[in-house]
Amino acid sequence: MASIKIITYNVHGLNSPSKRSQILNLLKKHKADICLLQETHFQKRKIPTFKHAFYTQWFHSGSDSKASKGVCICLGRHVNFTLTDECTDHEGRYIYIKGHIGTTMYTFGNIYAPNMEQVPWIRSAMRKLSTFTEGTLILGGDFNVALNPIIDTSAGRSSVSVKSLAKLIRTLQSMHLTDVWRTIHPSVKDYTFYSNLHNSYSRLYYLFPPNTHVQYCQSASILSQVLSDHSIVELVYELPHTPPSVGA
């Protein structure tokens, strides 16, 4: 089967050409095939043209007004992905794309949740995603919330209520998604973001493949922070029923 590496990364701004070059070189260094990037800071009408020899397919969601948001999905040239549809929002907080890799339909979702009222926003965004999804869904992004504060934060607590977190987990379960890093590392404490304000670490960035596809997940890792105050989360994933020449 073909194997691809999917990453999610809060890049904290890509408006600088030099920063874009650094980020893209970093992604290529890590051999990322499909990249879910948050906080690009692109306004909808000012998204630059990306010309990169390795990452040749780009899909963006930019903000109508503020340049503090923005998300995108980029794919390496060797990923034989054929787009059939995409869905974005006016705030630049999510982008969903679907299409074929070989003969198999995939939907890739990338979200950047706000840092307040995260759970109702995420659940609303996922309701939209549920109506858009076809085939195998892989969701990732910056959720701005620790699913299990006891183990996913250094402080062991969260400003989000236990009741709200339970609702979010039920939503993920209803879409048959699994927190793949936690599934592979059930008792490990590791984090993706350090807050200077609160002097605490949290795991806020996730990749969610289908819970029936855990056997296709070769590895899931949290990498060291480079070029951003956020960590890269990566998943090495086998594409079921896809020969190597069609995938990566």
C-alpha atoms as a PDB file:
ATOM      1  CA  MET A   1       0.000   0.000   0.000  1.00  0.00           C
ATOM      2  CA  ALA A   2       1.017   3.615  -0.481  1.00  0.00           C
ATOM      3  CA  SER A   3       2.083   5.464   2.662  1.00  0.00           C
ATOM      4  CA  ILE A   4       1.783   9.219   3.255  1.00  0.00           C
ATOM      5  CA  LYS A   5       2.795  11.590   6.028  1.00  0.00           C
ATOM      6  CA  ILE A   6       0.095  14.031   7.152  1.00  0.00           C
ATOM      7  CA  ILE A   7       0.996  16.935   9.429  1.00  0.00           C
ATOM      8  CA  THR A   8      -0.879  19.680  11.237  1.00  0.00           C
ATOM      9  CA  TYR A   9       1.002  22.864  12.114  1.00  0.00           C
ATOM     10  CA  ASN A  10       0.067  26.303  13.443  1.00  0.00           C
ATOM     11  CA  VAL A  11       2.527  28.446  11.482  1.00  0.00           C
ATOM     12  CA  HIS A  12       1.648  31.763  13.171  1.00  0.00           C
ATOM     13  CA  GLY A  13       1.773  33.825   9.998  1.00  0.00           C
ATOM     14  CA  LEU A  14       2.883  33.307   6.398  1.00  0.00           C
ATOM     15  CA  ASN A  15       2.669  36.815   4.986  1.00  0.00           C
ATOM     16  CA  SER A  16       6.447  37.239   4.956  1.00  0.00           C
ATOM     17  CA  PRO A  17       8.047  35.655   1.844  1.00  0.00           C
ATOM     18  CA  SER A  18      11.073  34.618   3.902  1.00  0.00           C
ATOM     19  CA  LYS A  19       8.840  32.970   6.531  1.00  0.00           C
ATOM     20  CA  ARG A  20       6.949  31.112   3.790  1.00  0.00           C
ATOM     21  CA  SER A  21      10.228  29.846   2.382  1.00  0.00           C
ATOM     22  CA  GLN A  22      11.411  28.697   5.810  1.00  0.00           C
ATOM     23  CA  ILE A  23       8.148  26.912   6.590  1.00  0.00           C
ATOM     24  CA  LEU A  24       7.992  25.158   3.225  1.00  0.00           C
ATOM     25  CA  ASN A  25      11.605  24.026   3.529  1.00  0.00           C
ATOM     26  CA  LEU A  26      10.813  22.697   7.005  1.00  0.00           C
ATOM     27  CA  LEU A  27       7.785  20.769   5.742  1.00  0.00           C
ATOM     28  CA  LYS A  28       9.827  19.272   2.917  1.00  0.00           C
ATOM     29  CA  LYS A  29      12.629  18.395   5.351  1.00  0.00           C
ATOM     30  CA  HIS A  30      10.107  16.411   7.368  1.00  0.00           C
ATOM     31  CA  LYS A  31       8.878  14.776   4.146  1.00  0.00           C
ATOM     32  CA  ALA A  32       5.298  15.881   4.774  1.00  0.00           C
ATOM     33  CA  ASP A  33       2.945  14.863   1.974  1.00  0.00           C
ATOM     34  CA  ILE A  34      -0.293  16.528   3.107  1.00  0.00           C
ATOM     35  CA  CYS A  35      -0.035  19.631   5.315  1.00  0.00           C
ATOM     36  CA  LEU A  36      -2.834  21.196   7.349  1.00  0.00           C
ATOM     37  CA  LEU A  37      -1.657  24.697   8.261  1.00  0.00           C
ATOM     38  CA  GLN A  38      -3.383  27.125  10.630  1.00  0.00           C
ATOM     39  CA  GLU A  39      -2.964  30.857  11.269  1.00  0.00           C
ATOM     40  CA  THR A  40      -1.667  31.691   7.813  1.00  0.00           C
ATOM     41  CA  HIS A  41      -2.895  35.276   8.464  1.00  0.00           C
ATOM     42  CA  PHE A  42      -4.123  35.588   4.882  1.00  0.00           C
ATOM     43  CA  GLN A  43      -7.058  37.792   4.044  1.00  0.00           C
ATOM     44  CA  LYS A  44      -9.305  36.285   1.412  1.00  0.00           C
ATOM     45  CA  ARG A  45      -8.446  38.878  -1.233  1.00  0.00           C
ATOM     46  CA  LYS A  46      -4.711  38.943  -0.468  1.00  0.00           C
ATOM     47  CA  ILE A  47      -3.671  35.297  -0.602  1.00  0.00           C
ATOM     48  CA  PRO A  48      -0.286  35.116  -2.321  1.00  0.00           C
ATOM     49  CA  THR A  49       0.427  32.757  -5.181  1.00  0.00           C
ATOM     50  CA  PHE A  50       2.423  29.760  -4.050  1.00  0.00           C
ATOM     51  CA  LYS A  51       4.969  28.446  -6.531  1.00  0.00           C
ATOM     52  CA  HIS A  52       6.862  25.580  -5.005  1.00  0.00           C
ATOM     53  CA  ALA A  53       8.516  22.689  -6.786  1.00  0.00           C
ATOM     54  CA  PHE A  54       7.430  20.162  -4.155  1.00  0.00           C
ATOM     55  CA  TYR A  55       4.074  21.475  -2.853  1.00  0.00           C
ATOM     56  CA  THR A  56       2.031  22.047  -5.972  1.00  0.00           C
ATOM     57  CA  GLN A  57      -1.598  21.863  -4.791  1.00  0.00           C
ATOM     58  CA  TRP A  58      -2.861  24.595  -2.458  1.00  0.00           C
ATOM     59  CA  PHE A  59      -6.311  25.192  -0.988  1.00  0.00           C
ATOM     60  CA  HIS A  60      -6.966  28.243   1.202  1.00  0.00           C
ATOM     61  CA  SER A  61      -9.584  29.724   3.480  1.00  0.00           C
ATOM     62  CA  GLY A  62      -8.926  33.368   4.279  1.00  0.00           C
ATOM     63  CA  SER A  63     -10.683  35.887   6.474  1.00  0.00           C
ATOM     64  CA  ASP A  64     -13.005  38.490   4.975  1.00  0.00           C
ATOM     65  CA  SER A  65     -11.527  41.145   7.230  1.00  0.00           C
ATOM     66  CA  LYS A  66      -8.959  40.382   9.920  1.00  0.00           C
ATOM     67  CA  ALA A  67      -5.632  38.874   8.888  1.00  0.00           C
ATOM     68  CA  SER A  68      -5.207  36.997  12.184  1.00  0.00           C
ATOM     69  CA  LYS A  69      -6.747  33.736  11.017  1.00  0.00           C
ATOM     70  CA  GLY A  70      -6.554  31.722   7.816  1.00  0.00           C
ATOM     71  CA  VAL A  71      -6.044  28.030   7.155  1.00  0.00           C
ATOM     72  CA  CYS A  72      -4.811  26.052   4.186  1.00  0.00           C
ATOM     73  CA  ILE A  73      -4.111  22.540   2.952  1.00  0.00           C
ATOM     74  CA  CYS A  74      -1.174  21.828   0.674  1.00  0.00           C
ATOM     75  CA  LEU A  75      -0.189  18.571  -1.000  1.00  0.00           C
ATOM     76  CA  GLY A  76       3.062  17.295  -2.410  1.00  0.00           C
ATOM     77  CA  ARG A  77       3.299  16.900  -6.163  1.00  0.00           C
ATOM     78  CA  HIS A  78       3.543  13.102  -5.874  1.00  0.00           C
ATOM     79  CA  VAL A  79       0.189  12.793  -4.050  1.00  0.00           C
ATOM     80  CA  ASN A  80      -2.145  11.858  -6.857  1.00  0.00           C
ATOM     81  CA  PHE A  81      -5.111  13.826  -5.490  1.00  0.00           C
ATOM     82  CA  THR A  82      -7.960  14.911  -7.762  1.00  0.00           C
ATOM     83  CA  LEU A  83     -10.236  17.525  -6.179  1.00  0.00           C
ATOM     84  CA  THR A  84     -13.996  17.163  -6.502  1.00  0.00           C
ATOM     85  CA  ASP A  85     -15.173  19.862  -4.063  1.00  0.00           C
ATOM     86  CA  GLU A  86     -14.072  22.216  -1.290  1.00  0.00           C
ATOM     87  CA  CYS A  87     -15.822  24.093   1.518  1.00  0.00           C
ATOM     88  CA  THR A  88     -14.607  27.178   3.402  1.00  0.00           C
ATOM     89  CA  ASP A  89     -15.991  29.739   5.841  1.00  0.00           C
ATOM     90  CA  HIS A  90     -15.880  33.544   5.729  1.00  0.00           C
ATOM     91  CA  GLU A  91     -13.751  33.778   8.889  1.00  0.00           C
ATOM     92  CA  GLY A  92     -10.887  31.712   7.519  1.00  0.00           C
ATOM     93  CA  ARG A  93     -11.194  29.170  10.328  1.00  0.00           C
ATOM     94  CA  TYR A  94     -11.807  25.985   8.382  1.00  0.00           C
ATOM     95  CA  ILE A  95     -11.301  24.387   5.014  1.00  0.00           C
ATOM     96  CA  TYR A  96     -12.590  21.014   3.865  1.00  0.00           C
ATOM     97  CA  ILE A  97     -11.592  19.367   0.605  1.00  0.00           C
ATOM     98  CA  LYS A  98     -12.581  16.066  -0.931  1.00  0.00           C
ATOM     99  CA  GLY A  99     -11.420  14.104  -3.905  1.00  0.00           C
ATOM    100  CA  HIS A 100      -9.800  10.915  -5.082  1.00  0.00           C
ATOM    101  CA  ILE A 101      -6.393   9.462  -4.410  1.00  0.00           C
ATOM    102  CA  GLY A 102      -6.332   6.741  -6.996  1.00  0.00           C
ATOM    103  CA  THR A 103      -9.838   5.335  -6.965  1.00  0.00           C
ATOM    104  CA  THR A 104     -10.519   5.998  -3.271  1.00  0.00           C
ATOM    105  CA  MET A 105     -12.452   9.047  -2.055  1.00  0.00           C
ATOM    106  CA  TYR A 106     -10.960  11.069   0.808  1.00  0.00           C
ATOM    107  CA  THR A 107     -12.104  14.132   2.718  1.00  0.00           C
ATOM    108  CA  PHE A 108      -9.481  16.236   4.496  1.00  0.00           C
ATOM    109  CA  GLY A 109     -10.548  18.800   7.084  1.00  0.00           C
ATOM    110  CA  ASN A 110      -8.444  21.532   8.679  1.00  0.00           C
ATOM    111  CA  ILE A 111      -9.798  23.760  11.453  1.00  0.00           C
ATOM    112  CA  TYR A 112      -8.495  26.595  13.608  1.00  0.00           C
ATOM    113  CA  ALA A 113     -10.825  27.027  16.553  1.00  0.00           C
ATOM    114  CA  PRO A 114     -11.178  30.307  18.489  1.00  0.00           C
ATOM    115  CA  ASN A 115      -9.673  30.510  21.977  1.00  0.00           C
ATOM    116  CA  MET A 116     -13.062  31.189  23.581  1.00  0.00           C
ATOM    117  CA  GLU A 117     -16.299  29.205  23.229  1.00  0.00           C
ATOM    118  CA  GLN A 118     -14.241  26.566  21.451  1.00  0.00           C
ATOM    119  CA  VAL A 119     -16.590  23.636  21.915  1.00  0.00           C
ATOM    120  CA  PRO A 120     -19.784  25.139  20.403  1.00  0.00           C
ATOM    121  CA  TRP A 121     -17.734  26.501  17.501  1.00  0.00           C
ATOM    122  CA  ILE A 122     -16.029  23.155  16.836  1.00  0.00           C
ATOM    123  CA  ARG A 123     -19.312  21.246  17.061  1.00  0.00           C
ATOM    124  CA  SER A 124     -20.917  23.665  14.593  1.00  0.00           C
ATOM    125  CA  ALA A 125     -17.963  23.370  12.200  1.00  0.00           C
ATOM    126  CA  MET A 126     -18.122  19.586  12.433  1.00  0.00           C
ATOM    127  CA  ARG A 127     -21.826  19.524  11.668  1.00  0.00           C
ATOM    128  CA  LYS A 128     -20.970  21.285   8.421  1.00  0.00           C
ATOM    129  CA  LEU A 129     -18.145  18.809   7.857  1.00  0.00           C
ATOM    130  CA  SER A 130     -20.464  15.833   8.403  1.00  0.00           C
ATOM    131  CA  THR A 131     -22.717  16.960   5.550  1.00  0.00           C
ATOM    132  CA  PHE A 132     -19.721  17.584   3.274  1.00  0.00           C
ATOM    133  CA  THR A 133     -17.771  14.388   3.937  1.00  0.00           C
ATOM    134  CA  GLU A 134     -17.509  11.593   1.409  1.00  0.00           C
ATOM    135  CA  GLY A 135     -15.309   8.538   1.691  1.00  0.00           C
ATOM    136  CA  THR A 136     -12.576   8.407   4.332  1.00  0.00           C
ATOM    137  CA  LEU A 137     -12.410  11.492   6.571  1.00  0.00           C
ATOM    138  CA  ILE A 138      -9.148  12.709   8.100  1.00  0.00           C
ATOM    139  CA  LEU A 139      -9.534  15.794  10.289  1.00  0.00           C
ATOM    140  CA  GLY A 140      -6.811  17.878  11.899  1.00  0.00           C
ATOM    141  CA  GLY A 141      -5.981  21.303  13.185  1.00  0.00           C
ATOM    142  CA  ASP A 142      -5.622  23.604  16.148  1.00  0.00           C
ATOM    143  CA  PHE A 143      -8.625  22.916  18.387  1.00  0.00           C
ATOM    144  CA  ASN A 144      -7.494  25.346  21.105  1.00  0.00           C
ATOM    145  CA  VAL A 145      -8.782  22.911  23.718  1.00  0.00           C
ATOM    146  CA  ALA A 146      -7.315  19.946  25.592  1.00  0.00           C
ATOM    147  CA  LEU A 147      -9.635  16.967  25.258  1.00  0.00           C
ATOM    148  CA  ASN A 148      -8.472  15.489  28.569  1.00  0.00           C
ATOM    149  CA  PRO A 149      -7.017  18.292  30.734  1.00  0.00           C
ATOM    150  CA  ILE A 150      -5.738  15.888  33.393  1.00  0.00           C
ATOM    151  CA  ILE A 151      -3.280  14.304  30.986  1.00  0.00           C
ATOM    152  CA  ASP A 152      -3.202  16.848  28.139  1.00  0.00           C
ATOM    153  CA  THR A 153      -2.165  19.896  30.204  1.00  0.00           C
ATOM    154  CA  SER A 154       0.691  20.434  32.626  1.00  0.00           C
ATOM    155  CA  ALA A 155      -1.713  22.212  35.000  1.00  0.00           C
ATOM    156  CA  GLY A 156      -4.160  19.296  34.973  1.00  0.00           C
ATOM    157  CA  ARG A 157      -7.175  21.517  34.434  1.00  0.00           C
ATOM    158  CA  SER A 158      -8.998  23.564  31.813  1.00  0.00           C
ATOM    159  CA  SER A 159     -11.237  26.618  31.624  1.00  0.00           C
ATOM    160  CA  VAL A 160     -13.579  24.515  29.459  1.00  0.00           C
ATOM    161  CA  SER A 161     -16.154  22.655  31.539  1.00  0.00           C
ATOM    162  CA  VAL A 162     -16.190  18.881  31.858  1.00  0.00           C
ATOM    163  CA  LYS A 163     -19.719  18.892  30.410  1.00  0.00           C
ATOM    164  CA  SER A 164     -18.601  20.803  27.308  1.00  0.00           C
ATOM    165  CA  LEU A 165     -15.616  18.513  26.770  1.00  0.00           C
ATOM    166  CA  ALA A 166     -17.911  15.492  27.029  1.00  0.00           C
ATOM    167  CA  LYS A 167     -20.117  16.988  24.290  1.00  0.00           C
ATOM    168  CA  LEU A 168     -17.090  17.517  22.053  1.00  0.00           C
ATOM    169  CA  ILE A 169     -15.850  13.968  22.572  1.00  0.00           C
ATOM    170  CA  ARG A 170     -19.319  12.610  21.746  1.00  0.00           C
ATOM    171  CA  THR A 171     -19.304  14.665  18.541  1.00  0.00           C
ATOM    172  CA  LEU A 172     -15.969  13.171  17.519  1.00  0.00           C
ATOM    173  CA  GLN A 173     -17.221   9.698  18.358  1.00  0.00           C
ATOM    174  CA  SER A 174     -20.399  10.232  16.351  1.00  0.00           C
ATOM    175  CA  MET A 175     -18.196  10.867  13.305  1.00  0.00           C
ATOM    176  CA  HIS A 176     -16.157   7.739  14.093  1.00  0.00           C
ATOM    177  CA  LEU A 177     -12.933   9.705  14.576  1.00  0.00           C
ATOM    178  CA  THR A 178     -10.068   8.876  16.913  1.00  0.00           C
ATOM    179  CA  ASP A 179      -7.347  11.036  18.476  1.00  0.00           C
ATOM    180  CA  VAL A 180      -4.595   8.996  16.853  1.00  0.00           C
ATOM    181  CA  TRP A 181      -1.662  10.336  18.908  1.00  0.00           C
ATOM    182  CA  ARG A 182      -3.431   9.508  22.172  1.00  0.00           C
ATOM    183  CA  THR A 183      -4.542   6.125  20.819  1.00  0.00           C
ATOM    184  CA  ILE A 184      -0.932   5.190  20.055  1.00  0.00           C
ATOM    185  CA  HIS A 185       0.442   6.842  23.236  1.00  0.00           C
ATOM    186  CA  PRO A 186      -2.315   6.164  25.799  1.00  0.00           C
ATOM    187  CA  SER A 187      -0.418   7.230  28.939  1.00  0.00           C
ATOM    188  CA  VAL A 188       2.266   9.618  27.627  1.00  0.00           C
ATOM    189  CA  LYS A 189       2.259  13.295  28.593  1.00  0.00           C
ATOM    190  CA  ASP A 190       3.442  15.498  25.740  1.00  0.00           C
ATOM    191  CA  TYR A 191       2.309  18.921  24.608  1.00  0.00           C
ATOM    192  CA  THR A 192       2.012  21.065  21.489  1.00  0.00           C
ATOM    193  CA  PHE A 193       1.868  24.597  22.915  1.00  0.00           C
ATOM    194  CA  TYR A 194       3.379  26.594  25.765  1.00  0.00           C
ATOM    195  CA  SER A 195       1.433  29.567  27.146  1.00  0.00           C
ATOM    196  CA  ASN A 196       3.632  32.301  28.600  1.00  0.00           C
ATOM    197  CA  LEU A 197       0.530  33.948  30.044  1.00  0.00           C
ATOM    198  CA  HIS A 198      -0.462  30.885  32.047  1.00  0.00           C
ATOM    199  CA  ASN A 199       3.003  29.325  32.358  1.00  0.00           C
ATOM    200  CA  SER A 200       1.587  25.986  31.256  1.00  0.00           C
ATOM    201  CA  TYR A 201       1.823  23.413  28.498  1.00  0.00           C
ATOM    202  CA  SER A 202      -1.137  21.938  26.607  1.00  0.00           C
ATOM    203  CA  ARG A 203      -1.846  19.482  23.809  1.00  0.00           C
ATOM    204  CA  LEU A 204      -4.184  21.412  21.540  1.00  0.00           C
ATOM    205  CA  TYR A 205      -3.385  20.167  18.018  1.00  0.00           C
ATOM    206  CA  TYR A 206      -4.779  16.911  16.724  1.00  0.00           C
ATOM    207  CA  LEU A 207      -5.079  14.525  13.824  1.00  0.00           C
ATOM    208  CA  PHE A 208      -8.212  12.381  13.683  1.00  0.00           C
ATOM    209  CA  PRO A 209      -8.384   9.462  11.242  1.00  0.00           C
ATOM    210  CA  PRO A 210     -11.345   7.060  11.320  1.00  0.00           C
ATOM    211  CA  ASN A 211     -11.367   4.794  14.377  1.00  0.00           C
ATOM    212  CA  THR A 212     -11.621   1.832  12.008  1.00  0.00           C
ATOM    213  CA  HIS A 213      -8.320   2.823  10.365  1.00  0.00           C
ATOM    214  CA  VAL A 214      -6.021   2.706  13.392  1.00  0.00           C
ATOM    215  CA  GLN A 215      -4.346  -0.357  11.890  1.00  0.00           C
ATOM    216  CA  TYR A 216      -3.272   1.821   8.947  1.00  0.00           C
ATOM    217  CA  CYS A 217      -1.574   4.386  11.221  1.00  0.00           C
ATOM    218  CA  GLN A 218       2.118   3.479  11.267  1.00  0.00           C
ATOM    219  CA  SER A 219       3.123   6.231  13.713  1.00  0.00           C
ATOM    220  CA  ALA A 220       1.979   9.493  15.289  1.00  0.00           C
ATOM    221  CA  SER A 221       4.454  12.014  16.691  1.00  0.00           C
ATOM    222  CA  ILE A 222       4.718  15.447  18.283  1.00  0.00           C
ATOM    223  CA  LEU A 223       7.833  17.214  16.998  1.00  0.00           C
ATOM    224  CA  SER A 224       9.953  19.933  18.573  1.00  0.00           C
ATOM    225  CA  GLN A 225       8.953  23.579  18.105  1.00  0.00           C
ATOM    226  CA  VAL A 226      10.743  25.232  15.166  1.00  0.00           C
ATOM    227  CA  LEU A 227       9.969  28.605  13.503  1.00  0.00           C
ATOM    228  CA  SER A 228       6.797  28.914  15.596  1.00  0.00           C
ATOM    229  CA  ASP A 229       5.727  28.629  19.228  1.00  0.00           C
ATOM    230  CA  HIS A 230       3.672  25.606  18.176  1.00  0.00           C
ATOM    231  CA  SER A 231       4.678  21.996  17.577  1.00  0.00           C
ATOM    232  CA  ILE A 232       4.088  19.923  14.473  1.00  0.00           C
ATOM    233  CA  VAL A 233       1.917  16.840  14.887  1.00  0.00           C
ATOM    234  CA  GLU A 234       2.466  14.182  12.241  1.00  0.00           C
ATOM    235  CA  LEU A 235       0.836  10.935  11.210  1.00  0.00           C
ATOM    236  CA  VAL A 236       2.281   8.295   8.917  1.00  0.00           C
ATOM    237  CA  TYR A 237      -0.735   6.668   7.326  1.00  0.00           C
ATOM    238  CA  GLU A 238      -1.106   3.800   4.885  1.00  0.00           C
ATOM    239  CA  LEU A 239      -3.641   4.387   2.139  1.00  0.00           C
ATOM    240  CA  PRO A 240      -5.796   1.257   2.065  1.00  0.00           C
ATOM    241  CA  HIS A 241      -6.278  -0.330  -1.367  1.00  0.00           C
ATOM    242  CA  THR A 242      -3.871   2.206  -2.938  1.00  0.00           C
ATOM    243  CA  PRO A 243      -0.728   0.992  -4.719  1.00  0.00           C
ATOM    244  CA  PRO A 244       2.499   2.947  -3.979  1.00  0.00           C
ATOM    245  CA  SER A 245       2.650   4.415  -7.477  1.00  0.00           C
ATOM    246  CA  VAL A 246      -0.720   6.167  -6.931  1.00  0.00           C
ATOM    247  CA  GLY A 247      -0.180   7.616  -3.466  1.00  0.00           C
ATOM    248  CA  ALA A 248       3.061   9.110  -2.219  1.00  0.00           C
END
